[in-house]
N, C-alpha and C. Protein backbone atom coordinates (compact mmCIF):
# COMPACT_ATOMS: atom_id res chain seq x y z
N MET A 1 0.90 -1.03 -0.18
CA MET A 1 -0.08 0.29 0.19
C MET A 1 0.97 1.04 -0.37
N ILE A 2 0.33 2.32 -1.09
CA ILE A 2 1.11 3.27 -1.14
C ILE A 2 0.48 4.60 0.18
N LYS A 3 1.20 5.39 0.89
CA LYS A 3 1.04 6.36 1.65
C LYS A 3 1.06 7.50 0.81
N LYS A 4 0.32 8.40 0.83
CA LYS A 4 0.16 9.48 0.34
C LYS A 4 0.69 10.45 0.99
N LYS A 5 1.85 11.15 0.37
CA LYS A 5 2.07 12.17 1.00
C LYS A 5 1.19 13.64 1.40
N HIS A 6 0.95 13.86 2.80
CA HIS A 6 0.36 15.22 2.84
C HIS A 6 0.73 16.35 2.90
N VAL A 7 0.18 17.17 1.76
CA VAL A 7 0.44 18.41 1.16
C VAL A 7 -0.02 19.45 2.06
N LYS A 8 0.54 20.57 2.60
CA LYS A 8 -0.29 21.48 3.34
C LYS A 8 -0.93 22.84 2.57
N ASN A 9 -1.90 22.57 3.03
CA ASN A 9 -2.66 23.60 2.55
C ASN A 9 -2.08 24.96 2.97
N HIS A 10 -2.09 25.69 1.63
CA HIS A 10 -1.06 27.31 2.22
C HIS A 10 -2.24 28.25 1.97
N THR A 11 -2.82 28.95 3.00
CA THR A 11 -3.69 29.82 3.11
C THR A 11 -2.75 30.66 2.81
N THR A 12 -3.86 32.39 3.12
CA THR A 12 -3.86 33.61 2.20
C THR A 12 -2.45 33.96 3.69
N ARG A 13 -3.12 33.46 5.23
CA ARG A 13 -2.50 34.09 5.87
C ARG A 13 -1.31 33.40 6.02
N GLU A 14 -0.89 31.93 5.67
CA GLU A 14 0.62 31.04 5.66
C GLU A 14 1.39 31.99 4.73
N THR A 15 0.69 32.44 3.61
CA THR A 15 1.64 33.38 2.15
C THR A 15 2.36 34.21 3.16
N ALA A 16 0.86 35.22 3.98
CA ALA A 16 1.64 36.74 4.21
C ALA A 16 2.49 36.29 5.12
N LEU A 17 2.83 34.70 6.24
CA LEU A 17 3.54 34.96 7.42
C LEU A 17 5.18 34.21 6.63
N SER A 18 4.79 33.66 5.48
CA SER A 18 6.24 33.48 4.73
C SER A 18 7.28 34.76 4.34
N LEU A 19 5.73 35.66 3.77
CA LEU A 19 6.75 37.08 2.90
C LEU A 19 7.31 38.13 4.55
N LEU A 20 5.92 37.61 5.33
CA LEU A 20 6.84 39.08 6.31
C LEU A 20 8.28 38.43 7.26
N ALA A 21 8.35 36.95 6.92
CA ALA A 21 10.15 36.54 7.49
C ALA A 21 10.80 36.99 6.63
N ARG A 22 10.35 37.03 5.13
CA ARG A 22 11.07 37.42 4.01
C ARG A 22 11.60 38.95 4.03
N VAL A 23 11.27 39.54 4.07
CA VAL A 23 10.96 41.07 4.74
C VAL A 23 12.03 41.07 5.78
N GLU A 24 11.42 40.96 7.35
CA GLU A 24 11.89 40.56 8.35
C GLU A 24 13.40 40.22 8.63
N HIS A 25 13.85 39.23 8.13
CA HIS A 25 14.56 37.92 8.23
C HIS A 25 15.51 38.31 7.62
N GLY A 26 15.12 38.08 6.11
CA GLY A 26 15.99 38.13 5.07
C GLY A 26 16.42 39.09 4.21
N GLY A 27 15.86 40.39 4.23
CA GLY A 27 16.60 41.52 3.99
C GLY A 27 15.19 42.17 2.31
N ALA A 28 14.02 41.50 1.99
CA ALA A 28 14.23 41.78 1.29
C ALA A 28 12.88 42.60 1.11
N PHE A 29 12.67 43.26 0.24
CA PHE A 29 11.05 44.20 0.03
C PHE A 29 9.93 44.06 -0.02
N ALA A 30 8.88 44.56 0.97
CA ALA A 30 7.79 43.99 0.35
C ALA A 30 7.26 44.31 -0.87
N ASP A 31 7.37 45.53 -1.51
CA ASP A 31 6.66 45.46 -3.15
C ASP A 31 7.40 44.24 -4.03
N ARG A 32 8.32 43.35 -4.19
CA ARG A 32 9.53 42.87 -4.29
C ARG A 32 8.33 41.30 -3.88
N VAL A 33 8.26 41.26 -3.43
CA VAL A 33 7.97 39.73 -2.33
C VAL A 33 6.48 39.61 -2.92
N LEU A 34 5.81 40.97 -2.89
CA LEU A 34 4.21 40.97 -3.15
C LEU A 34 4.23 40.65 -5.04
N ALA A 35 4.91 40.98 -5.69
CA ALA A 35 4.83 40.97 -6.93
C ALA A 35 5.51 38.98 -7.32
N ALA A 36 6.40 38.38 -6.33
CA ALA A 36 6.96 37.30 -6.87
C ALA A 36 5.65 36.17 -7.04
N PRO A 37 5.75 35.57 -8.07
CA PRO A 37 4.92 34.37 -8.50
C PRO A 37 4.31 33.31 -7.30
N GLN A 38 4.69 33.63 -6.02
CA GLN A 38 3.85 32.86 -4.81
C GLN A 38 2.50 33.61 -4.79
N VAL A 39 2.43 34.76 -5.34
CA VAL A 39 1.35 36.05 -4.97
C VAL A 39 0.27 36.04 -5.87
N SER A 40 1.42 36.43 -7.00
CA SER A 40 0.94 37.67 -8.52
C SER A 40 -0.18 36.04 -8.58
N ASN A 41 -0.07 34.77 -8.77
CA ASN A 41 -0.94 33.46 -9.12
C ASN A 41 -2.10 33.36 -8.66
N MET A 42 -2.20 33.94 -7.61
CA MET A 42 -3.70 33.69 -6.83
C MET A 42 -4.55 34.75 -7.22
N GLU A 43 -5.58 34.64 -6.61
CA GLU A 43 -6.65 35.83 -6.83
C GLU A 43 -6.62 36.55 -6.47
N GLU A 44 -7.67 37.57 -7.07
CA GLU A 44 -7.07 39.13 -6.58
C GLU A 44 -7.56 39.01 -5.43
N ARG A 45 -8.18 38.52 -4.59
CA ARG A 45 -8.97 38.54 -3.51
C ARG A 45 -8.11 38.39 -2.68
N ASP A 46 -7.30 37.25 -2.65
CA ASP A 46 -6.30 36.51 -1.97
C ASP A 46 -4.98 37.39 -1.84
N ARG A 47 -4.70 37.99 -3.17
CA ARG A 47 -3.64 39.10 -3.04
C ARG A 47 -3.60 40.26 -2.44
N LEU A 48 -4.78 40.96 -2.44
CA LEU A 48 -5.06 42.44 -1.72
C LEU A 48 -5.02 42.15 -0.37
N PHE A 49 -5.50 41.06 0.25
CA PHE A 49 -5.32 40.58 1.49
C PHE A 49 -4.02 39.70 1.96
N ILE A 50 -3.48 39.65 1.40
CA ILE A 50 -1.97 39.53 1.72
C ILE A 50 -1.56 40.65 1.50
N ARG A 51 -1.66 41.58 0.66
CA ARG A 51 -0.80 42.84 0.74
C ARG A 51 -1.29 43.90 2.08
N GLU A 52 -2.40 43.82 2.40
CA GLU A 52 -2.63 44.18 3.63
C GLU A 52 -2.27 44.07 4.98
N LEU A 53 -2.26 42.24 4.81
CA LEU A 53 -1.81 42.12 6.26
C LEU A 53 -0.29 42.16 6.03
N LEU A 54 0.96 42.30 5.01
CA LEU A 54 2.25 42.31 5.08
C LEU A 54 2.25 44.18 5.65
N LEU A 55 1.55 44.69 4.39
CA LEU A 55 1.88 46.42 4.47
C LEU A 55 1.45 46.47 5.95
N GLY A 56 0.53 46.25 6.27
CA GLY A 56 -0.01 46.75 7.58
C GLY A 56 0.75 46.31 8.75
N VAL A 57 1.16 45.24 8.83
CA VAL A 57 2.06 44.83 10.12
C VAL A 57 3.50 45.49 9.91
N LEU A 58 4.00 45.63 8.57
CA LEU A 58 5.26 46.32 8.29
C LEU A 58 4.82 47.90 9.37
N ARG A 59 3.75 48.86 8.90
CA ARG A 59 3.78 50.06 9.02
C ARG A 59 3.36 50.33 10.53
N TRP A 60 2.63 49.01 10.93
CA TRP A 60 1.81 49.45 12.84
C TRP A 60 3.20 48.46 13.61
N LYS A 61 4.36 48.01 13.23
CA LYS A 61 5.11 47.43 13.45
C LYS A 61 5.35 47.90 15.24
N LEU A 62 5.89 48.69 15.41
CA LEU A 62 6.51 49.09 16.52
C LEU A 62 5.39 49.06 17.65
N ARG A 63 4.16 49.51 16.69
CA ARG A 63 2.88 49.66 17.96
C ARG A 63 2.32 48.07 18.48
N LEU A 64 2.04 47.10 17.30
CA LEU A 64 2.13 45.73 17.26
C LEU A 64 2.78 45.09 18.74
N ASP A 65 4.37 45.68 18.30
CA ASP A 65 5.61 44.62 19.25
C ASP A 65 4.88 44.69 20.75
N ARG A 66 4.78 46.43 20.93
CA ARG A 66 4.55 47.17 22.02
C ARG A 66 3.55 46.33 22.46
N ILE A 67 2.32 45.71 22.29
CA ILE A 67 1.11 45.15 22.68
C ILE A 67 2.01 43.66 23.21
N ILE A 68 2.53 43.09 22.19
CA ILE A 68 2.68 41.71 22.07
C ILE A 68 3.82 42.02 23.42
N GLU A 69 4.49 42.60 23.52
CA GLU A 69 5.63 42.86 24.76
C GLU A 69 4.41 42.91 26.16
N THR A 70 3.59 43.52 25.96
CA THR A 70 2.67 43.94 26.89
C THR A 70 2.22 42.58 27.57
N PHE A 71 1.76 42.29 26.75
CA PHE A 71 0.94 41.03 27.18
C PHE A 71 1.86 39.48 27.10
N TYR A 72 3.01 39.53 26.77
CA TYR A 72 3.89 38.53 26.84
C TYR A 72 4.47 38.55 28.19
N ASN A 73 4.98 39.83 28.26
CA ASN A 73 5.56 39.88 30.08
C ASN A 73 6.66 39.68 30.11
N LYS A 74 7.53 39.47 29.18
CA LYS A 74 8.66 39.29 28.81
C LYS A 74 8.84 40.14 28.27
N ASN A 75 10.37 40.64 27.31
CA ASN A 75 11.37 40.72 26.08
C ASN A 75 10.86 40.68 25.50
N LEU A 76 10.79 40.64 24.21
CA LEU A 76 10.04 40.07 22.76
C LEU A 76 11.12 39.90 22.16
N ASN A 77 12.68 40.04 22.56
CA ASN A 77 13.96 39.31 22.00
C ASN A 77 13.75 37.80 22.31
N SER A 78 13.09 37.92 23.50
CA SER A 78 12.98 36.15 24.12
C SER A 78 12.00 35.41 23.48
N LEU A 79 10.76 35.91 22.78
CA LEU A 79 10.05 34.84 21.40
C LEU A 79 10.37 34.66 20.21
N ASP A 80 10.16 33.68 19.83
CA ASP A 80 10.71 33.52 18.65
C ASP A 80 10.00 34.03 17.69
N PRO A 81 11.11 34.43 16.74
CA PRO A 81 10.37 35.05 15.60
C PRO A 81 9.61 34.97 14.63
N GLU A 82 9.31 33.73 14.86
CA GLU A 82 8.15 33.14 14.02
C GLU A 82 6.51 33.37 14.24
N ILE A 83 7.00 33.21 16.22
CA ILE A 83 5.49 33.61 16.65
C ILE A 83 5.18 34.66 16.86
N CYS A 84 6.55 35.57 17.00
CA CYS A 84 6.20 36.89 17.18
C CYS A 84 5.27 37.77 15.26
N ASN A 85 5.59 36.66 14.72
CA ASN A 85 4.38 37.94 13.10
C ASN A 85 3.97 37.12 13.52
N ILE A 86 3.35 35.70 13.80
CA ILE A 86 2.18 35.35 13.82
C ILE A 86 1.72 36.60 14.39
N LEU A 87 1.41 36.55 15.61
CA LEU A 87 1.51 37.69 16.75
C LEU A 87 1.32 38.77 16.25
N ARG A 88 1.98 39.41 15.41
CA ARG A 88 1.66 40.97 14.63
C ARG A 88 0.76 40.33 13.55
N LEU A 89 0.37 39.32 13.07
CA LEU A 89 -0.63 39.14 11.99
C LEU A 89 -1.65 38.97 12.35
N GLY A 90 -1.98 38.55 13.41
CA GLY A 90 -3.37 38.05 14.49
C GLY A 90 -3.97 39.63 14.85
N LEU A 91 -3.05 40.37 15.93
CA LEU A 91 -3.00 41.74 16.05
C LEU A 91 -3.58 42.37 14.93
N PHE A 92 -2.99 42.69 14.03
CA PHE A 92 -3.32 43.52 13.37
C PHE A 92 -4.80 43.12 12.42
N GLN A 93 -4.89 42.06 12.35
CA GLN A 93 -6.27 41.72 11.96
C GLN A 93 -7.57 41.95 13.05
N LEU A 94 -6.86 41.80 14.31
CA LEU A 94 -7.74 42.12 15.13
C LEU A 94 -8.41 43.88 15.45
N MET A 95 -7.54 44.84 15.61
CA MET A 95 -6.80 45.93 15.13
C MET A 95 -7.78 46.76 14.25
N PHE A 96 -7.32 46.69 12.85
CA PHE A 96 -7.31 47.05 11.88
C PHE A 96 -7.94 46.88 10.88
N MET A 97 -8.75 45.43 10.46
CA MET A 97 -9.44 44.79 10.02
C MET A 97 -10.76 44.26 9.84
N GLY A 98 -11.88 45.62 9.94
CA GLY A 98 -13.17 45.10 10.60
C GLY A 98 -13.61 43.91 9.62
N SER A 99 -13.30 43.97 8.58
CA SER A 99 -13.20 43.03 7.63
C SER A 99 -13.33 41.20 8.05
N VAL A 100 -11.90 41.18 9.28
CA VAL A 100 -12.45 39.69 10.02
C VAL A 100 -12.89 39.62 10.72
N PRO A 101 -13.59 38.78 11.08
CA PRO A 101 -13.89 38.87 12.57
C PRO A 101 -13.18 37.99 13.52
N ASP A 102 -13.36 38.78 14.80
CA ASP A 102 -12.30 38.36 16.08
C ASP A 102 -11.93 37.32 16.15
N TRP A 103 -13.56 36.14 16.03
CA TRP A 103 -12.68 34.91 16.09
C TRP A 103 -11.83 34.08 14.79
N ALA A 104 -12.12 34.86 14.01
CA ALA A 104 -11.49 33.73 12.47
C ALA A 104 -10.11 34.34 12.69
N ALA A 105 -9.25 35.48 13.41
CA ALA A 105 -8.32 36.25 13.86
C ALA A 105 -7.55 35.54 14.25
N VAL A 106 -8.51 35.27 15.93
CA VAL A 106 -7.44 34.50 16.22
C VAL A 106 -7.73 33.22 15.84
N ASN A 107 -8.45 32.16 15.41
CA ASN A 107 -8.32 30.28 15.13
C ASN A 107 -7.65 30.49 13.90
N GLU A 108 -7.37 31.63 13.37
CA GLU A 108 -6.08 31.20 12.04
C GLU A 108 -4.72 31.32 12.44
N SER A 109 -4.69 32.57 13.50
CA SER A 109 -3.45 32.80 14.28
C SER A 109 -3.52 31.38 14.87
N VAL A 110 -3.84 31.30 15.76
CA VAL A 110 -3.35 29.64 16.53
C VAL A 110 -2.93 28.65 15.63
N THR A 111 -3.78 28.62 14.90
CA THR A 111 -3.61 27.27 13.76
C THR A 111 -2.21 27.58 13.26
N LEU A 112 -1.91 28.77 12.41
CA LEU A 112 -0.15 29.03 12.05
C LEU A 112 0.87 28.46 13.17
N ALA A 113 0.46 28.73 14.47
CA ALA A 113 1.36 28.87 15.49
C ALA A 113 1.27 27.30 15.46
N HIS A 114 0.51 26.58 15.77
CA HIS A 114 0.10 25.30 16.07
C HIS A 114 0.99 24.41 14.95
N ASP A 115 0.42 24.40 13.45
CA ASP A 115 1.97 24.04 12.52
C ASP A 115 2.86 24.23 12.32
N HIS A 116 3.41 25.30 13.04
CA HIS A 116 4.97 25.99 12.80
C HIS A 116 5.70 25.59 14.18
N ARG A 117 5.13 25.14 15.19
CA ARG A 117 5.84 25.37 16.45
C ARG A 117 5.17 24.83 17.46
N GLY A 118 4.04 23.61 17.38
CA GLY A 118 3.20 23.03 18.08
C GLY A 118 2.75 23.80 18.82
N GLU A 119 1.85 22.93 20.06
CA GLU A 119 0.72 23.27 20.82
C GLU A 119 1.49 24.29 22.21
N ARG A 120 2.56 24.68 22.27
CA ARG A 120 2.80 25.42 23.78
C ARG A 120 2.57 26.53 22.59
N ALA A 121 3.28 26.45 21.92
CA ALA A 121 2.70 28.10 20.83
C ALA A 121 1.75 28.43 20.63
N ALA A 122 1.25 27.36 20.24
CA ALA A 122 -0.34 27.56 20.09
C ALA A 122 -0.90 28.57 20.95
N GLY A 123 -0.54 27.78 22.37
CA GLY A 123 -1.35 28.61 23.42
C GLY A 123 -1.16 29.82 23.76
N LEU A 124 0.27 30.02 23.70
CA LEU A 124 0.89 31.33 23.75
C LEU A 124 -0.16 32.05 22.78
N VAL A 125 -0.18 31.84 21.57
CA VAL A 125 -0.90 32.85 21.21
C VAL A 125 -2.02 32.99 21.12
N ASN A 126 -2.67 31.69 21.54
CA ASN A 126 -3.83 32.22 21.95
C ASN A 126 -4.26 32.79 23.20
N ALA A 127 -3.41 32.88 23.93
CA ALA A 127 -3.47 33.42 25.23
C ALA A 127 -3.57 35.33 24.96
N ILE A 128 -2.40 35.14 24.07
CA ILE A 128 -2.04 36.74 23.80
C ILE A 128 -2.87 37.25 22.98
N LEU A 129 -3.67 36.55 21.80
CA LEU A 129 -5.06 37.30 21.09
C LEU A 129 -5.93 37.52 22.11
N ARG A 130 -6.73 36.39 22.87
CA ARG A 130 -7.57 36.43 23.80
C ARG A 130 -7.78 37.30 24.28
N ARG A 131 -6.80 37.64 25.05
CA ARG A 131 -6.12 39.21 26.44
C ARG A 131 -6.25 39.94 25.02
N PHE A 132 -6.12 39.99 24.57
CA PHE A 132 -5.86 41.90 23.85
C PHE A 132 -7.49 42.16 23.24
N SER A 133 -8.10 40.47 22.52
CA SER A 133 -9.67 41.22 22.66
C SER A 133 -10.36 41.46 23.45
N ARG A 134 -10.39 40.57 25.17
CA ARG A 134 -10.64 41.00 26.04
C ARG A 134 -11.12 42.43 26.87
N GLU A 135 -9.19 43.13 27.23
CA GLU A 135 -8.60 44.22 27.60
C GLU A 135 -8.36 45.34 26.66
N GLY A 136 -8.11 45.10 25.24
CA GLY A 136 -7.76 45.99 24.06
C GLY A 136 -7.01 46.42 24.85
N GLU A 137 -6.50 47.34 24.03
CA GLU A 137 -4.56 47.94 23.88
C GLU A 137 -4.17 48.34 25.32
N PRO A 138 -3.32 48.39 25.90
CA PRO A 138 -2.76 48.74 27.00
C PRO A 138 -2.73 50.55 26.79
N PRO A 139 -2.78 51.22 28.08
CA PRO A 139 -2.59 52.40 28.06
C PRO A 139 -1.17 53.35 27.51
N PHE A 140 -1.51 54.21 26.37
CA PHE A 140 -0.56 55.07 25.92
C PHE A 140 0.55 55.39 27.24
N PRO A 141 1.81 55.54 26.68
CA PRO A 141 2.64 56.25 27.95
C PRO A 141 1.95 58.16 28.36
N ASP A 142 2.70 58.35 29.06
CA ASP A 142 1.65 59.98 29.46
C ASP A 142 2.81 61.08 28.68
N GLU A 143 3.92 60.24 28.65
CA GLU A 143 4.26 61.50 28.26
C GLU A 143 4.68 61.98 27.02
N PRO A 144 4.42 62.92 26.47
CA PRO A 144 3.60 63.15 24.65
C PRO A 144 4.35 62.73 23.85
N SER A 145 6.17 62.92 23.88
CA SER A 145 6.72 62.06 22.70
C SER A 145 6.31 60.64 22.76
N GLU A 146 6.63 59.97 23.67
CA GLU A 146 6.33 58.47 23.53
C GLU A 146 4.60 58.31 23.56
N ARG A 147 4.19 58.94 24.07
CA ARG A 147 2.49 58.74 23.07
C ARG A 147 2.19 58.76 22.12
N LEU A 148 2.93 59.91 21.27
CA LEU A 148 2.84 59.90 19.54
C LEU A 148 3.82 58.93 18.62
N SER A 149 4.90 58.06 19.59
CA SER A 149 5.49 57.71 19.29
C SER A 149 4.65 56.06 18.93
N PHE A 150 4.19 55.98 20.18
CA PHE A 150 3.50 54.43 19.95
C PHE A 150 1.63 54.69 19.31
N GLU A 151 1.16 55.98 19.74
CA GLU A 151 -0.24 55.92 19.04
C GLU A 151 -0.08 55.57 17.16
N THR A 152 1.51 56.38 16.74
CA THR A 152 1.47 56.71 15.02
C THR A 152 2.51 55.39 14.89
N SER A 153 2.76 54.52 15.59
CA SER A 153 3.96 53.58 15.60
C SER A 153 5.33 53.74 14.46
N HIS A 154 5.46 54.96 14.95
CA HIS A 154 6.61 55.70 14.59
C HIS A 154 7.86 56.19 15.43
N PRO A 155 8.99 55.81 15.47
CA PRO A 155 9.81 55.89 16.00
C PRO A 155 10.33 56.71 17.25
N LEU A 156 10.55 56.95 18.34
CA LEU A 156 10.72 57.99 19.26
C LEU A 156 11.49 59.27 18.73
N TRP A 157 12.61 58.32 17.87
CA TRP A 157 13.52 59.82 17.82
C TRP A 157 12.92 60.86 16.89
N LEU A 158 11.56 60.27 15.76
CA LEU A 158 11.06 61.11 14.74
C LEU A 158 10.17 62.66 15.72
N TRP A 159 9.69 61.96 16.70
CA TRP A 159 8.98 62.93 17.85
C TRP A 159 9.80 63.79 18.59
């Protein structure tokens, strides 16, 4: 009997995660990875979704990272980079993509974490995203420059 090899279903979020890793850790440019055949051969709706996820996470990264660090209760550098990107994608959907139901953003992020790093990582992603869903964004700092930095997701030196 011949066993069939399981072929993993690559979702739009899976593609967004791999593209984000290429930009974050591989030094690729977002516009170039979005033009790659991996994306350009997809249906327009999927391409637009991936584009919004990738560019949105990159645009709001500083703010997303602050939220992750607050709910993770540890230094962000101690978090697996792939899990960090999964959390960024999930938070971005929860915060900025009203067309994505909260349950879908959480469920898909947990599934990604489970597929890539196992049950413990999935539990962590689930806990952080559900806590954010319940509690919302942590308060911004009182100091005006820091507040603007986090509200707009721009580096502090810019303010």
